[in-house]
Amino acid sequence: MYKHKARMTPRRYRILHLMAKGYSDEQIADELDLRKSHYNLQRWRLYCYLGDVHKPLDAVYVALQKGLVTRSELSKSVEDAIRKQYPMSNTNF
């Protein structure tokens, strides 16, 4: 687990919501007008905030469990990927 104590900021919420919509890292950085290195830092801090998270799909799944994003905010492809990656979570949707 990461040792950095991150907090949730409006920018990190925006990153999380774009992940939920299925945006790629490059698309998110472009959408938020961030350099790739700054985006990577923000993503890492978001992962620290969420806990033991290492991939965007995991971040979205944990965010769903914590109520940070809702099912209606997910793109169809992200929802399908979560159902495939976490088959026991179908009842939690």
PDB file of N, CA and C in Angstrom:
ATOM      1  N   MET A   1       0.842  -1.173   0.000  1.00  0.00           N
ATOM      2  CA  MET A   1       0.000   0.000   0.000  1.00  0.00           C
ATOM      3  C   MET A   1       0.889   1.239   0.000  1.00  0.00           C
ATOM      4  N   TYR A   2       0.382   2.298  -0.537  1.00  0.00           N
ATOM      5  CA  TYR A   2       1.117   3.551  -0.610  1.00  0.00           C
ATOM      6  C   TYR A   2       1.164   4.220   0.758  1.00  0.00           C
ATOM      7  N   LYS A   3       2.234   4.968   1.009  1.00  0.00           N
ATOM      8  CA  LYS A   3       2.374   5.656   2.287  1.00  0.00           C
ATOM      9  C   LYS A   3       1.917   7.106   2.213  1.00  0.00           C
ATOM     10  N   HIS A   4       1.794   7.642   1.014  1.00  0.00           N
ATOM     11  CA  HIS A   4       1.402   9.042   0.858  1.00  0.00           C
ATOM     12  C   HIS A   4      -0.029   9.227   1.336  1.00  0.00           C
ATOM     13  N   LYS A   5      -0.257  10.255   2.151  1.00  0.00           N
ATOM     14  CA  LYS A   5      -1.617  10.545   2.637  1.00  0.00           C
ATOM     15  C   LYS A   5      -2.232  11.597   1.728  1.00  0.00           C
ATOM     16  N   ALA A   6      -2.929  11.147   0.739  1.00  0.00           N
ATOM     17  CA  ALA A   6      -3.544  12.047  -0.237  1.00  0.00           C
ATOM     18  C   ALA A   6      -4.913  12.477   0.248  1.00  0.00           C
ATOM     19  N   ARG A   7      -5.363  13.575  -0.288  1.00  0.00           N
ATOM     20  CA  ARG A   7      -6.729  14.011  -0.043  1.00  0.00           C
ATOM     21  C   ARG A   7      -7.418  14.139  -1.393  1.00  0.00           C
ATOM     22  N   MET A   8      -8.718  14.106  -1.358  1.00  0.00           N
ATOM     23  CA  MET A   8      -9.475  14.216  -2.602  1.00  0.00           C
ATOM     24  C   MET A   8      -9.644  15.692  -2.929  1.00  0.00           C
ATOM     25  N   THR A   9      -9.296  16.040  -4.144  1.00  0.00           N
ATOM     26  CA  THR A   9      -9.424  17.421  -4.607  1.00  0.00           C
ATOM     27  C   THR A   9     -10.399  17.451  -5.777  1.00  0.00           C
ATOM     28  N   PRO A  10     -10.895  18.620  -6.144  1.00  0.00           N
ATOM     29  CA  PRO A  10     -11.787  18.694  -7.306  1.00  0.00           C
ATOM     30  C   PRO A  10     -11.148  18.122  -8.579  1.00  0.00           C
ATOM     31  N   ARG A  11      -9.856  18.359  -8.772  1.00  0.00           N
ATOM     32  CA  ARG A  11      -9.187  17.824  -9.963  1.00  0.00           C
ATOM     33  C   ARG A  11      -9.161  16.304  -9.928  1.00  0.00           C
ATOM     34  N   ARG A  12      -8.909  15.731  -8.780  1.00  0.00           N
ATOM     35  CA  ARG A  12      -8.879  14.263  -8.679  1.00  0.00           C
ATOM     36  C   ARG A  12     -10.270  13.670  -8.858  1.00  0.00           C
ATOM     37  N   TYR A  13     -11.300  14.365  -8.379  1.00  0.00           N
ATOM     38  CA  TYR A  13     -12.671  13.926  -8.667  1.00  0.00           C
ATOM     39  C   TYR A  13     -12.911  13.925 -10.174  1.00  0.00           C
ATOM     40  N   ARG A  14     -12.445  14.967 -10.832  1.00  0.00           N
ATOM     41  CA  ARG A  14     -12.634  15.066 -12.293  1.00  0.00           C
ATOM     42  C   ARG A  14     -11.904  13.923 -12.998  1.00  0.00           C
ATOM     43  N   ILE A  15     -10.693  13.626 -12.574  1.00  0.00           N
ATOM     44  CA  ILE A  15      -9.936  12.505 -13.148  1.00  0.00           C
ATOM     45  C   ILE A  15     -10.714  11.210 -12.943  1.00  0.00           C
ATOM     46  N   LEU A  16     -11.204  10.994 -11.740  1.00  0.00           N
ATOM     47  CA  LEU A  16     -11.958   9.780 -11.434  1.00  0.00           C
ATOM     48  C   LEU A  16     -13.204   9.665 -12.304  1.00  0.00           C
ATOM     49  N   HIS A  17     -13.929  10.758 -12.481  1.00  0.00           N
ATOM     50  CA  HIS A  17     -15.150  10.727 -13.288  1.00  0.00           C
ATOM     51  C   HIS A  17     -14.831  10.489 -14.763  1.00  0.00           C
ATOM     52  N   LEU A  18     -13.717  11.006 -15.238  1.00  0.00           N
ATOM     53  CA  LEU A  18     -13.329  10.741 -16.624  1.00  0.00           C
ATOM     54  C   LEU A  18     -12.897   9.285 -16.793  1.00  0.00           C
ATOM     55  N   MET A  19     -12.237   8.724 -15.783  1.00  0.00           N
ATOM     56  CA  MET A  19     -11.909   7.287 -15.816  1.00  0.00           C
ATOM     57  C   MET A  19     -13.198   6.472 -15.903  1.00  0.00           C
ATOM     58  N   ALA A  20     -14.199   6.873 -15.127  1.00  0.00           N
ATOM     59  CA  ALA A  20     -15.479   6.154 -15.119  1.00  0.00           C
ATOM     60  C   ALA A  20     -16.166   6.223 -16.475  1.00  0.00           C
ATOM     61  N   LYS A  21     -15.891   7.273 -17.216  1.00  0.00           N
ATOM     62  CA  LYS A  21     -16.473   7.416 -18.553  1.00  0.00           C
ATOM     63  C   LYS A  21     -15.650   6.699 -19.616  1.00  0.00           C
ATOM     64  N   GLY A  22     -14.538   6.097 -19.205  1.00  0.00           N
ATOM     65  CA  GLY A  22     -13.746   5.299 -20.127  1.00  0.00           C
ATOM     66  C   GLY A  22     -12.645   6.054 -20.858  1.00  0.00           C
ATOM     67  N   TYR A  23     -12.337   7.261 -20.417  1.00  0.00           N
ATOM     68  CA  TYR A  23     -11.270   8.036 -21.054  1.00  0.00           C
ATOM     69  C   TYR A  23      -9.918   7.379 -20.781  1.00  0.00           C
ATOM     70  N   SER A  24      -9.009   7.462 -21.750  1.00  0.00           N
ATOM     71  CA  SER A  24      -7.648   6.964 -21.564  1.00  0.00           C
ATOM     72  C   SER A  24      -6.845   8.002 -20.780  1.00  0.00           C
ATOM     73  N   ASP A  25      -5.670   7.610 -20.308  1.00  0.00           N
ATOM     74  CA  ASP A  25      -4.796   8.549 -19.596  1.00  0.00           C
ATOM     75  C   ASP A  25      -4.500   9.776 -20.450  1.00  0.00           C
ATOM     76  N   GLU A  26      -4.168   9.543 -21.705  1.00  0.00           N
ATOM     77  CA  GLU A  26      -3.845  10.653 -22.606  1.00  0.00           C
ATOM     78  C   GLU A  26      -5.056  11.571 -22.807  1.00  0.00           C
ATOM     79  N   GLN A  27      -6.231  10.989 -22.967  1.00  0.00           N
ATOM     80  CA  GLN A  27      -7.437  11.792 -23.148  1.00  0.00           C
ATOM     81  C   GLN A  27      -7.751  12.624 -21.898  1.00  0.00           C
ATOM     82  N   ILE A  28      -7.542  12.037 -20.732  1.00  0.00           N
ATOM     83  CA  ILE A  28      -7.798  12.771 -19.491  1.00  0.00           C
ATOM     84  C   ILE A  28      -6.821  13.935 -19.357  1.00  0.00           C
ATOM     85  N   ALA A  29      -5.548  13.674 -19.603  1.00  0.00           N
ATOM     86  CA  ALA A  29      -4.545  14.738 -19.527  1.00  0.00           C
ATOM     87  C   ALA A  29      -4.885  15.865 -20.500  1.00  0.00           C
ATOM     88  N   ASP A  30      -5.290  15.513 -21.705  1.00  0.00           N
ATOM     89  CA  ASP A  30      -5.673  16.529 -22.700  1.00  0.00           C
ATOM     90  C   ASP A  30      -6.920  17.293 -22.259  1.00  0.00           C
ATOM     91  N   GLU A  31      -7.915  16.572 -21.764  1.00  0.00           N
ATOM     92  CA  GLU A  31      -9.175  17.195 -21.339  1.00  0.00           C
ATOM     93  C   GLU A  31      -8.946  18.216 -20.218  1.00  0.00           C
ATOM     94  N   LEU A  32      -8.026  17.884 -19.314  1.00  0.00           N
ATOM     95  CA  LEU A  32      -7.755  18.755 -18.171  1.00  0.00           C
ATOM     96  C   LEU A  32      -6.583  19.702 -18.424  1.00  0.00           C
ATOM     97  N   ASP A  33      -6.045  19.638 -19.615  1.00  0.00           N
ATOM     98  CA  ASP A  33      -4.924  20.499 -20.009  1.00  0.00           C
ATOM     99  C   ASP A  33      -3.743  20.349 -19.048  1.00  0.00           C
ATOM    100  N   LEU A  34      -3.385  19.085 -18.787  1.00  0.00           N
ATOM    101  CA  LEU A  34      -2.280  18.768 -17.890  1.00  0.00           C
ATOM    102  C   LEU A  34      -1.127  18.146 -18.667  1.00  0.00           C
ATOM    103  N   ARG A  35       0.076  18.444 -18.238  1.00  0.00           N
ATOM    104  CA  ARG A  35       1.231  17.714 -18.786  1.00  0.00           C
ATOM    105  C   ARG A  35       1.117  16.270 -18.297  1.00  0.00           C
ATOM    106  N   LYS A  36       1.660  15.368 -19.073  1.00  0.00           N
ATOM    107  CA  LYS A  36       1.580  13.946 -18.735  1.00  0.00           C
ATOM    108  C   LYS A  36       2.168  13.675 -17.345  1.00  0.00           C
ATOM    109  N   SER A  37       3.280  14.315 -17.033  1.00  0.00           N
ATOM    110  CA  SER A  37       3.921  14.086 -15.731  1.00  0.00           C
ATOM    111  C   SER A  37       3.024  14.569 -14.581  1.00  0.00           C
ATOM    112  N   HIS A  38       2.368  15.698 -14.752  1.00  0.00           N
ATOM    113  CA  HIS A  38       1.482  16.203 -13.696  1.00  0.00           C
ATOM    114  C   HIS A  38       0.234  15.325 -13.584  1.00  0.00           C
ATOM    115  N   TYR A  39      -0.272  14.874 -14.713  1.00  0.00           N
ATOM    116  CA  TYR A  39      -1.409  13.955 -14.677  1.00  0.00           C
ATOM    117  C   TYR A  39      -1.028  12.674 -13.922  1.00  0.00           C
ATOM    118  N   ASN A  40       0.150  12.131 -14.229  1.00  0.00           N
ATOM    119  CA  ASN A  40       0.589  10.906 -13.555  1.00  0.00           C
ATOM    120  C   ASN A  40       0.676  11.100 -12.044  1.00  0.00           C
ATOM    121  N   LEU A  41       1.152  12.258 -11.609  1.00  0.00           N
ATOM    122  CA  LEU A  41       1.225  12.558 -10.185  1.00  0.00           C
ATOM    123  C   LEU A  41      -0.177  12.630  -9.585  1.00  0.00           C
ATOM    124  N   GLN A  42      -1.096  13.303 -10.243  1.00  0.00           N
ATOM    125  CA  GLN A  42      -2.464  13.411  -9.750  1.00  0.00           C
ATOM    126  C   GLN A  42      -3.146  12.039  -9.697  1.00  0.00           C
ATOM    127  N   ARG A  43      -2.900  11.228 -10.717  1.00  0.00           N
ATOM    128  CA  ARG A  43      -3.479   9.876 -10.743  1.00  0.00           C
ATOM    129  C   ARG A  43      -2.921   9.050  -9.584  1.00  0.00           C
ATOM    130  N   TRP A  44      -1.606   9.138  -9.358  1.00  0.00           N
ATOM    131  CA  TRP A  44      -0.988   8.392  -8.269  1.00  0.00           C
ATOM    132  C   TRP A  44      -1.580   8.820  -6.928  1.00  0.00           C
ATOM    133  N   ARG A  45      -1.770  10.119  -6.732  1.00  0.00           N
ATOM    134  CA  ARG A  45      -2.351  10.606  -5.476  1.00  0.00           C
ATOM    135  C   ARG A  45      -3.810  10.175  -5.331  1.00  0.00           C
ATOM    136  N   LEU A  46      -4.523  10.112  -6.430  1.00  0.00           N
ATOM    137  CA  LEU A  46      -5.890   9.584  -6.399  1.00  0.00           C
ATOM    138  C   LEU A  46      -5.867   8.127  -5.953  1.00  0.00           C
ATOM    139  N   TYR A  47      -4.963   7.352  -6.519  1.00  0.00           N
ATOM    140  CA  TYR A  47      -4.833   5.946  -6.130  1.00  0.00           C
ATOM    141  C   TYR A  47      -4.494   5.831  -4.643  1.00  0.00           C
ATOM    142  N   CYS A  48      -3.619   6.692  -4.139  1.00  0.00           N
ATOM    143  CA  CYS A  48      -3.279   6.694  -2.706  1.00  0.00           C
ATOM    144  C   CYS A  48      -4.517   6.966  -1.863  1.00  0.00           C
ATOM    145  N   TYR A  49      -5.313   7.913  -2.289  1.00  0.00           N
ATOM    146  CA  TYR A  49      -6.524   8.256  -1.555  1.00  0.00           C
ATOM    147  C   TYR A  49      -7.481   7.072  -1.494  1.00  0.00           C
ATOM    148  N   LEU A  50      -7.598   6.358  -2.604  1.00  0.00           N
ATOM    149  CA  LEU A  50      -8.555   5.248  -2.682  1.00  0.00           C
ATOM    150  C   LEU A  50      -8.075   4.000  -1.953  1.00  0.00           C
ATOM    151  N   GLY A  51      -6.786   3.883  -1.736  1.00  0.00           N
ATOM    152  CA  GLY A  51      -6.260   2.710  -1.037  1.00  0.00           C
ATOM    153  C   GLY A  51      -5.338   1.912  -1.927  1.00  0.00           C
ATOM    154  N   ASP A  52      -5.433   0.617  -1.852  1.00  0.00           N
ATOM    155  CA  ASP A  52      -4.530  -0.281  -2.584  1.00  0.00           C
ATOM    156  C   ASP A  52      -5.010  -0.431  -4.028  1.00  0.00           C
ATOM    157  N   VAL A  53      -4.809   0.615  -4.813  1.00  0.00           N
ATOM    158  CA  VAL A  53      -5.297   0.678  -6.194  1.00  0.00           C
ATOM    159  C   VAL A  53      -4.107   0.881  -7.123  1.00  0.00           C
ATOM    160  N   HIS A  54      -4.107   0.163  -8.252  1.00  0.00           N
ATOM    161  CA  HIS A  54      -2.981   0.249  -9.181  1.00  0.00           C
ATOM    162  C   HIS A  54      -3.400   0.476 -10.627  1.00  0.00           C
ATOM    163  N   LYS A  55      -4.691   0.384 -10.910  1.00  0.00           N
ATOM    164  CA  LYS A  55      -5.177   0.535 -12.287  1.00  0.00           C
ATOM    165  C   LYS A  55      -6.450   1.381 -12.295  1.00  0.00           C
ATOM    166  N   PRO A  56      -6.718   2.043 -13.418  1.00  0.00           N
ATOM    167  CA  PRO A  56      -7.931   2.865 -13.500  1.00  0.00           C
ATOM    168  C   PRO A  56      -9.215   2.086 -13.200  1.00  0.00           C
ATOM    169  N   LEU A  57      -9.323   0.874 -13.714  1.00  0.00           N
ATOM    170  CA  LEU A  57     -10.539   0.083 -13.470  1.00  0.00           C
ATOM    171  C   LEU A  57     -10.718  -0.189 -11.981  1.00  0.00           C
ATOM    172  N   ASP A  58      -9.617  -0.507 -11.303  1.00  0.00           N
ATOM    173  CA  ASP A  58      -9.684  -0.723  -9.856  1.00  0.00           C
ATOM    174  C   ASP A  58     -10.112   0.556  -9.138  1.00  0.00           C
ATOM    175  N   ALA A  59      -9.599   1.694  -9.600  1.00  0.00           N
ATOM    176  CA  ALA A  59      -9.957   2.980  -8.992  1.00  0.00           C
ATOM    177  C   ALA A  59     -11.458   3.231  -9.119  1.00  0.00           C
ATOM    178  N   VAL A  60     -12.001   2.971 -10.287  1.00  0.00           N
ATOM    179  CA  VAL A  60     -13.427   3.185 -10.500  1.00  0.00           C
ATOM    180  C   VAL A  60     -14.241   2.220  -9.642  1.00  0.00           C
ATOM    181  N   TYR A  61     -13.810   0.986  -9.554  1.00  0.00           N
ATOM    182  CA  TYR A  61     -14.524   0.000  -8.744  1.00  0.00           C
ATOM    183  C   TYR A  61     -14.549   0.414  -7.268  1.00  0.00           C
ATOM    184  N   VAL A  62     -13.385   0.809  -6.743  1.00  0.00           N
ATOM    185  CA  VAL A  62     -13.318   1.241  -5.343  1.00  0.00           C
ATOM    186  C   VAL A  62     -14.172   2.493  -5.145  1.00  0.00           C
ATOM    187  N   ALA A  63     -14.120   3.416  -6.103  1.00  0.00           N
ATOM    188  CA  ALA A  63     -14.921   4.639  -6.019  1.00  0.00           C
ATOM    189  C   ALA A  63     -16.417   4.317  -6.000  1.00  0.00           C
ATOM    190  N   LEU A  64     -16.827   3.318  -6.762  1.00  0.00           N
ATOM    191  CA  LEU A  64     -18.229   2.871  -6.717  1.00  0.00           C
ATOM    192  C   LEU A  64     -18.583   2.367  -5.327  1.00  0.00           C
ATOM    193  N   GLN A  65     -17.704   1.568  -4.761  1.00  0.00           N
ATOM    194  CA  GLN A  65     -17.954   1.006  -3.439  1.00  0.00           C
ATOM    195  C   GLN A  65     -18.027   2.094  -2.370  1.00  0.00           C
ATOM    196  N   LYS A  66     -17.240   3.155  -2.551  1.00  0.00           N
ATOM    197  CA  LYS A  66     -17.208   4.257  -1.582  1.00  0.00           C
ATOM    198  C   LYS A  66     -18.258   5.331  -1.872  1.00  0.00           C
ATOM    199  N   GLY A  67     -18.973   5.195  -2.968  1.00  0.00           N
ATOM    200  CA  GLY A  67     -19.995   6.165  -3.304  1.00  0.00           C
ATOM    201  C   GLY A  67     -19.466   7.444  -3.939  1.00  0.00           C
ATOM    202  N   LEU A  68     -18.234   7.408  -4.435  1.00  0.00           N
ATOM    203  CA  LEU A  68     -17.648   8.591  -5.079  1.00  0.00           C
ATOM    204  C   LEU A  68     -18.126   8.756  -6.518  1.00  0.00           C
ATOM    205  N   VAL A  69     -18.511   7.665  -7.146  1.00  0.00           N
ATOM    206  CA  VAL A  69     -19.137   7.698  -8.465  1.00  0.00           C
ATOM    207  C   VAL A  69     -20.362   6.785  -8.409  1.00  0.00           C
ATOM    208  N   THR A  70     -21.277   7.014  -9.311  1.00  0.00           N
ATOM    209  CA  THR A  70     -22.480   6.187  -9.354  1.00  0.00           C
ATOM    210  C   THR A  70     -22.474   5.352 -10.632  1.00  0.00           C
ATOM    211  N   ARG A  71     -23.284   4.339 -10.626  1.00  0.00           N
ATOM    212  CA  ARG A  71     -23.377   3.467 -11.799  1.00  0.00           C
ATOM    213  C   ARG A  71     -23.787   4.250 -13.045  1.00  0.00           C
ATOM    214  N   SER A  72     -24.638   5.249 -12.882  1.00  0.00           N
ATOM    215  CA  SER A  72     -25.096   6.031 -14.033  1.00  0.00           C
ATOM    216  C   SER A  72     -23.964   6.846 -14.670  1.00  0.00           C
ATOM    217  N   GLU A  73     -22.880   7.059 -13.942  1.00  0.00           N
ATOM    218  CA  GLU A  73     -21.743   7.810 -14.478  1.00  0.00           C
ATOM    219  C   GLU A  73     -20.782   6.936 -15.287  1.00  0.00           C
ATOM    220  N   LEU A  74     -20.963   5.630 -15.230  1.00  0.00           N
ATOM    221  CA  LEU A  74     -20.056   4.714 -15.933  1.00  0.00           C
ATOM    222  C   LEU A  74     -20.407   4.615 -17.402  1.00  0.00           C
ATOM    223  N   SER A  75     -19.357   4.526 -18.220  1.00  0.00           N
ATOM    224  CA  SER A  75     -19.609   4.199 -19.625  1.00  0.00           C
ATOM    225  C   SER A  75     -19.966   2.720 -19.685  1.00  0.00           C
ATOM    226  N   LYS A  76     -20.597   2.323 -20.759  1.00  0.00           N
ATOM    227  CA  LYS A  76     -20.982   0.915 -20.936  1.00  0.00           C
ATOM    228  C   LYS A  76     -19.745   0.014 -20.906  1.00  0.00           C
ATOM    229  N   SER A  77     -18.666   0.451 -21.551  1.00  0.00           N
ATOM    230  CA  SER A  77     -17.446  -0.374 -21.600  1.00  0.00           C
ATOM    231  C   SER A  77     -16.823  -0.527 -20.207  1.00  0.00           C
ATOM    232  N   VAL A  78     -16.843   0.523 -19.404  1.00  0.00           N
ATOM    233  CA  VAL A  78     -16.287   0.436 -18.050  1.00  0.00           C
ATOM    234  C   VAL A  78     -17.167  -0.461 -17.184  1.00  0.00           C
ATOM    235  N   GLU A  79     -18.478  -0.308 -17.294  1.00  0.00           N
ATOM    236  CA  GLU A  79     -19.384  -1.160 -16.526  1.00  0.00           C
ATOM    237  C   GLU A  79     -19.183  -2.634 -16.893  1.00  0.00           C
ATOM    238  N   ASP A  80     -19.074  -2.920 -18.187  1.00  0.00           N
ATOM    239  CA  ASP A  80     -18.848  -4.299 -18.628  1.00  0.00           C
ATOM    240  C   ASP A  80     -17.511  -4.829 -18.115  1.00  0.00           C
ATOM    241  N   ALA A  81     -16.475  -3.998 -18.145  1.00  0.00           N
ATOM    242  CA  ALA A  81     -15.149  -4.410 -17.663  1.00  0.00           C
ATOM    243  C   ALA A  81     -15.183  -4.703 -16.165  1.00  0.00           C
ATOM    244  N   ILE A  82     -15.906  -3.900 -15.402  1.00  0.00           N
ATOM    245  CA  ILE A  82     -16.030  -4.147 -13.957  1.00  0.00           C
ATOM    246  C   ILE A  82     -16.763  -5.455 -13.706  1.00  0.00           C
ATOM    247  N   ARG A  83     -17.845  -5.685 -14.430  1.00  0.00           N
ATOM    248  CA  ARG A  83     -18.584  -6.941 -14.265  1.00  0.00           C
ATOM    249  C   ARG A  83     -17.710  -8.154 -14.592  1.00  0.00           C
ATOM    250  N   LYS A  84     -16.849  -8.017 -15.585  1.00  0.00           N
ATOM    251  CA  LYS A  84     -15.957  -9.118 -15.966  1.00  0.00           C
ATOM    252  C   LYS A  84     -14.838  -9.294 -14.941  1.00  0.00           C
ATOM    253  N   GLN A  85     -14.243  -8.181 -14.497  1.00  0.00           N
ATOM    254  CA  GLN A  85     -13.119  -8.232 -13.553  1.00  0.00           C
ATOM    255  C   GLN A  85     -13.564  -8.644 -12.147  1.00  0.00           C
ATOM    256  N   TYR A  86     -14.753  -8.214 -11.767  1.00  0.00           N
ATOM    257  CA  TYR A  86     -15.272  -8.472 -10.419  1.00  0.00           C
ATOM    258  C   TYR A  86     -16.635  -9.147 -10.523  1.00  0.00           C
ATOM    259  N   PRO A  87     -16.672 -10.418 -10.922  1.00  0.00           N
ATOM    260  CA  PRO A  87     -17.958 -11.075 -11.183  1.00  0.00           C
ATOM    261  C   PRO A  87     -18.871 -11.160  -9.965  1.00  0.00           C
ATOM    262  N   MET A  88     -18.345 -11.185  -8.775  1.00  0.00           N
ATOM    263  CA  MET A  88     -19.175 -11.280  -7.578  1.00  0.00           C
ATOM    264  C   MET A  88     -19.808  -9.945  -7.221  1.00  0.00           C
ATOM    265  N   SER A  89     -19.402  -8.868  -7.922  1.00  0.00           N
ATOM    266  CA  SER A  89     -19.912  -7.546  -7.573  1.00  0.00           C
ATOM    267  C   SER A  89     -21.227  -7.218  -8.282  1.00  0.00           C
ATOM    268  N   ASN A  90     -21.729  -8.117  -9.118  1.00  0.00           N
ATOM    269  CA  ASN A  90     -22.945  -7.808  -9.890  1.00  0.00           C
ATOM    270  C   ASN A  90     -24.098  -7.389  -8.996  1.00  0.00           C
ATOM    271  N   THR A  91     -24.193  -7.962  -7.808  1.00  0.00           N
ATOM    272  CA  THR A  91     -25.284  -7.590  -6.923  1.00  0.00           C
ATOM    273  C   THR A  91     -25.033  -6.252  -6.252  1.00  0.00           C
ATOM    274  N   ASN A  92     -23.788  -5.770  -6.260  1.00  0.00           N
ATOM    275  CA  ASN A  92     -23.466  -4.490  -5.627  1.00  0.00           C
ATOM    276  C   ASN A  92     -23.726  -3.315  -6.537  1.00  0.00           C
ATOM    277  N   PHE A  93     -24.125  -3.579  -7.770  1.00  0.00           N
ATOM    278  CA  PHE A  93     -24.362  -2.477  -8.703  1.00  0.00           C
ATOM    279  C   PHE A  93     -25.674  -1.857  -8.413  1.00  0.00           C
TER     280      PHE A  93
END
